[in-house]
Amino acid sequence: MRAFLLGLALSVVSAPSIAQTVLKSEPLVLAPYGIVYVQDPSCAAGQVLKVTGAIRGLHRKRVCVAWTGDQASLTVATPPIEALSGL
């Protein structure tokens, strides 16, 4: 029973980290195999730069990927206009 409760507590704590936000600049420190999304002018419209951290001695992987608004974090999300019109 304790193992179940511990697993449940860890899943609640880790759930907010699943949502991704788009950063304005690439972080200097990035965990190995960690992923961040960065606004980059070199990517086409509607795309962001996906940066994957690497272990010491290797270069980070950078690739432009399509970005949709529903992938944004809930902390920066705004309600749709239709939801506001009912107020």
C-alpha atoms as a PDB file:
ATOM      1  CA  MET A   1       0.000   0.000   0.000  1.00  0.00           C
ATOM      2  CA  ARG A   2       2.870   2.377   0.801  1.00  0.00           C
ATOM      3  CA  ALA A   3       4.425   1.723  -2.592  1.00  0.00           C
ATOM      4  CA  PHE A   4       1.151   2.617  -4.313  1.00  0.00           C
ATOM      5  CA  LEU A   5       0.828   5.873  -2.350  1.00  0.00           C
ATOM      6  CA  LEU A   6       4.455   6.760  -3.040  1.00  0.00           C
ATOM      7  CA  GLY A   7       3.935   6.151  -6.765  1.00  0.00           C
ATOM      8  CA  LEU A   8       0.769   8.229  -6.740  1.00  0.00           C
ATOM      9  CA  ALA A   9       2.535  11.088  -4.958  1.00  0.00           C
ATOM     10  CA  LEU A  10       5.430  11.025  -7.430  1.00  0.00           C
ATOM     11  CA  SER A  11       3.076  11.057 -10.404  1.00  0.00           C
ATOM     12  CA  VAL A  12       1.244  14.097  -9.027  1.00  0.00           C
ATOM     13  CA  VAL A  13       4.521  15.940  -8.517  1.00  0.00           C
ATOM     14  CA  SER A  14       5.884  15.050 -11.954  1.00  0.00           C
ATOM     15  CA  ALA A  15       2.673  15.777 -13.910  1.00  0.00           C
ATOM     16  CA  PRO A  16       3.272  19.554 -14.185  1.00  0.00           C
ATOM     17  CA  SER A  17       6.711  18.933 -15.657  1.00  0.00           C
ATOM     18  CA  ILE A  18       5.140  17.180 -18.659  1.00  0.00           C
ATOM     19  CA  ALA A  19       3.842  20.492 -20.020  1.00  0.00           C
ATOM     20  CA  GLN A  20       6.421  22.383 -22.064  1.00  0.00           C
ATOM     21  CA  THR A  21       6.856  26.103 -22.493  1.00  0.00           C
ATOM     22  CA  VAL A  22       8.805  27.890 -25.192  1.00  0.00           C
ATOM     23  CA  LEU A  23      11.868  29.721 -23.903  1.00  0.00           C
ATOM     24  CA  LYS A  24      13.160  32.965 -25.384  1.00  0.00           C
ATOM     25  CA  SER A  25      16.792  31.833 -25.262  1.00  0.00           C
ATOM     26  CA  GLU A  26      18.659  28.557 -24.964  1.00  0.00           C
ATOM     27  CA  PRO A  27      19.745  27.751 -21.385  1.00  0.00           C
ATOM     28  CA  LEU A  28      23.463  27.556 -20.655  1.00  0.00           C
ATOM     29  CA  VAL A  29      23.033  24.396 -18.563  1.00  0.00           C
ATOM     30  CA  LEU A  30      20.867  21.549 -19.805  1.00  0.00           C
ATOM     31  CA  ALA A  31      20.675  18.069 -18.305  1.00  0.00           C
ATOM     32  CA  PRO A  32      21.845  15.200 -20.519  1.00  0.00           C
ATOM     33  CA  TYR A  33      18.947  14.125 -22.745  1.00  0.00           C
ATOM     34  CA  GLY A  34      16.822  16.961 -21.339  1.00  0.00           C
ATOM     35  CA  ILE A  35      14.606  18.733 -23.896  1.00  0.00           C
ATOM     36  CA  VAL A  36      13.730  22.424 -24.129  1.00  0.00           C
ATOM     37  CA  TYR A  37      11.894  24.379 -26.819  1.00  0.00           C
ATOM     38  CA  VAL A  38      13.317  27.770 -27.842  1.00  0.00           C
ATOM     39  CA  GLN A  39      11.968  30.578 -30.016  1.00  0.00           C
ATOM     40  CA  ASP A  40      14.551  30.859 -32.763  1.00  0.00           C
ATOM     41  CA  PRO A  41      14.461  33.104 -35.849  1.00  0.00           C
ATOM     42  CA  SER A  42      16.287  30.461 -37.896  1.00  0.00           C
ATOM     43  CA  CYS A  43      13.176  28.221 -37.752  1.00  0.00           C
ATOM     44  CA  ALA A  44      10.240  28.763 -40.107  1.00  0.00           C
ATOM     45  CA  ALA A  45       6.945  30.294 -38.981  1.00  0.00           C
ATOM     46  CA  GLY A  46       4.999  27.933 -36.724  1.00  0.00           C
ATOM     47  CA  GLN A  47       8.154  26.088 -35.697  1.00  0.00           C
ATOM     48  CA  VAL A  48      10.404  26.208 -32.653  1.00  0.00           C
ATOM     49  CA  LEU A  49      13.903  24.942 -31.999  1.00  0.00           C
ATOM     50  CA  LYS A  50      13.948  21.665 -30.042  1.00  0.00           C
ATOM     51  CA  VAL A  51      17.214  21.397 -28.100  1.00  0.00           C
ATOM     52  CA  THR A  52      18.244  18.058 -26.581  1.00  0.00           C
ATOM     53  CA  GLY A  53      21.008  18.004 -23.978  1.00  0.00           C
ATOM     54  CA  ALA A  54      24.033  15.758 -24.417  1.00  0.00           C
ATOM     55  CA  ILE A  55      26.583  14.114 -22.183  1.00  0.00           C
ATOM     56  CA  ARG A  56      29.960  15.760 -21.651  1.00  0.00           C
ATOM     57  CA  GLY A  57      32.071  15.971 -24.783  1.00  0.00           C
ATOM     58  CA  LEU A  58      29.171  15.740 -27.243  1.00  0.00           C
ATOM     59  CA  HIS A  59      27.211  18.540 -28.899  1.00  0.00           C
ATOM     60  CA  ARG A  60      23.575  19.312 -28.192  1.00  0.00           C
ATOM     61  CA  LYS A  61      21.078  18.222 -30.827  1.00  0.00           C
ATOM     62  CA  ARG A  62      19.108  21.125 -32.351  1.00  0.00           C
ATOM     63  CA  VAL A  63      16.206  20.646 -34.761  1.00  0.00           C
ATOM     64  CA  CYS A  64      13.238  22.805 -35.815  1.00  0.00           C
ATOM     65  CA  VAL A  65       9.890  21.167 -35.056  1.00  0.00           C
ATOM     66  CA  ALA A  66       6.271  22.188 -35.633  1.00  0.00           C
ATOM     67  CA  TRP A  67       4.678  23.844 -32.605  1.00  0.00           C
ATOM     68  CA  THR A  68       0.963  24.044 -31.941  1.00  0.00           C
ATOM     69  CA  GLY A  69      -0.687  26.137 -29.264  1.00  0.00           C
ATOM     70  CA  ASP A  70      -2.141  23.113 -27.457  1.00  0.00           C
ATOM     71  CA  GLN A  71       1.379  22.016 -26.477  1.00  0.00           C
ATOM     72  CA  ALA A  72       1.862  25.138 -24.394  1.00  0.00           C
ATOM     73  CA  SER A  73       2.001  25.033 -20.619  1.00  0.00           C
ATOM     74  CA  LEU A  74      -1.151  25.728 -18.647  1.00  0.00           C
ATOM     75  CA  THR A  75       0.663  28.543 -16.852  1.00  0.00           C
ATOM     76  CA  VAL A  76       0.682  30.641 -20.020  1.00  0.00           C
ATOM     77  CA  ALA A  77      -2.526  29.372 -21.599  1.00  0.00           C
ATOM     78  CA  THR A  78      -5.470  31.720 -22.103  1.00  0.00           C
ATOM     79  CA  PRO A  79      -9.107  30.687 -22.387  1.00  0.00           C
ATOM     80  CA  PRO A  80     -10.708  30.708 -25.834  1.00  0.00           C
ATOM     81  CA  ILE A  81     -12.691  33.807 -26.867  1.00  0.00           C
ATOM     82  CA  GLU A  82     -15.978  31.869 -26.861  1.00  0.00           C
ATOM     83  CA  ALA A  83     -15.499  31.064 -23.173  1.00  0.00           C
ATOM     84  CA  LEU A  84     -15.067  34.749 -22.349  1.00  0.00           C
ATOM     85  CA  SER A  85     -18.135  35.862 -24.308  1.00  0.00           C
ATOM     86  CA  GLY A  86     -20.447  33.992 -21.932  1.00  0.00           C
ATOM     87  CA  LEU A  87     -19.348  36.107 -18.972  1.00  0.00           C
END
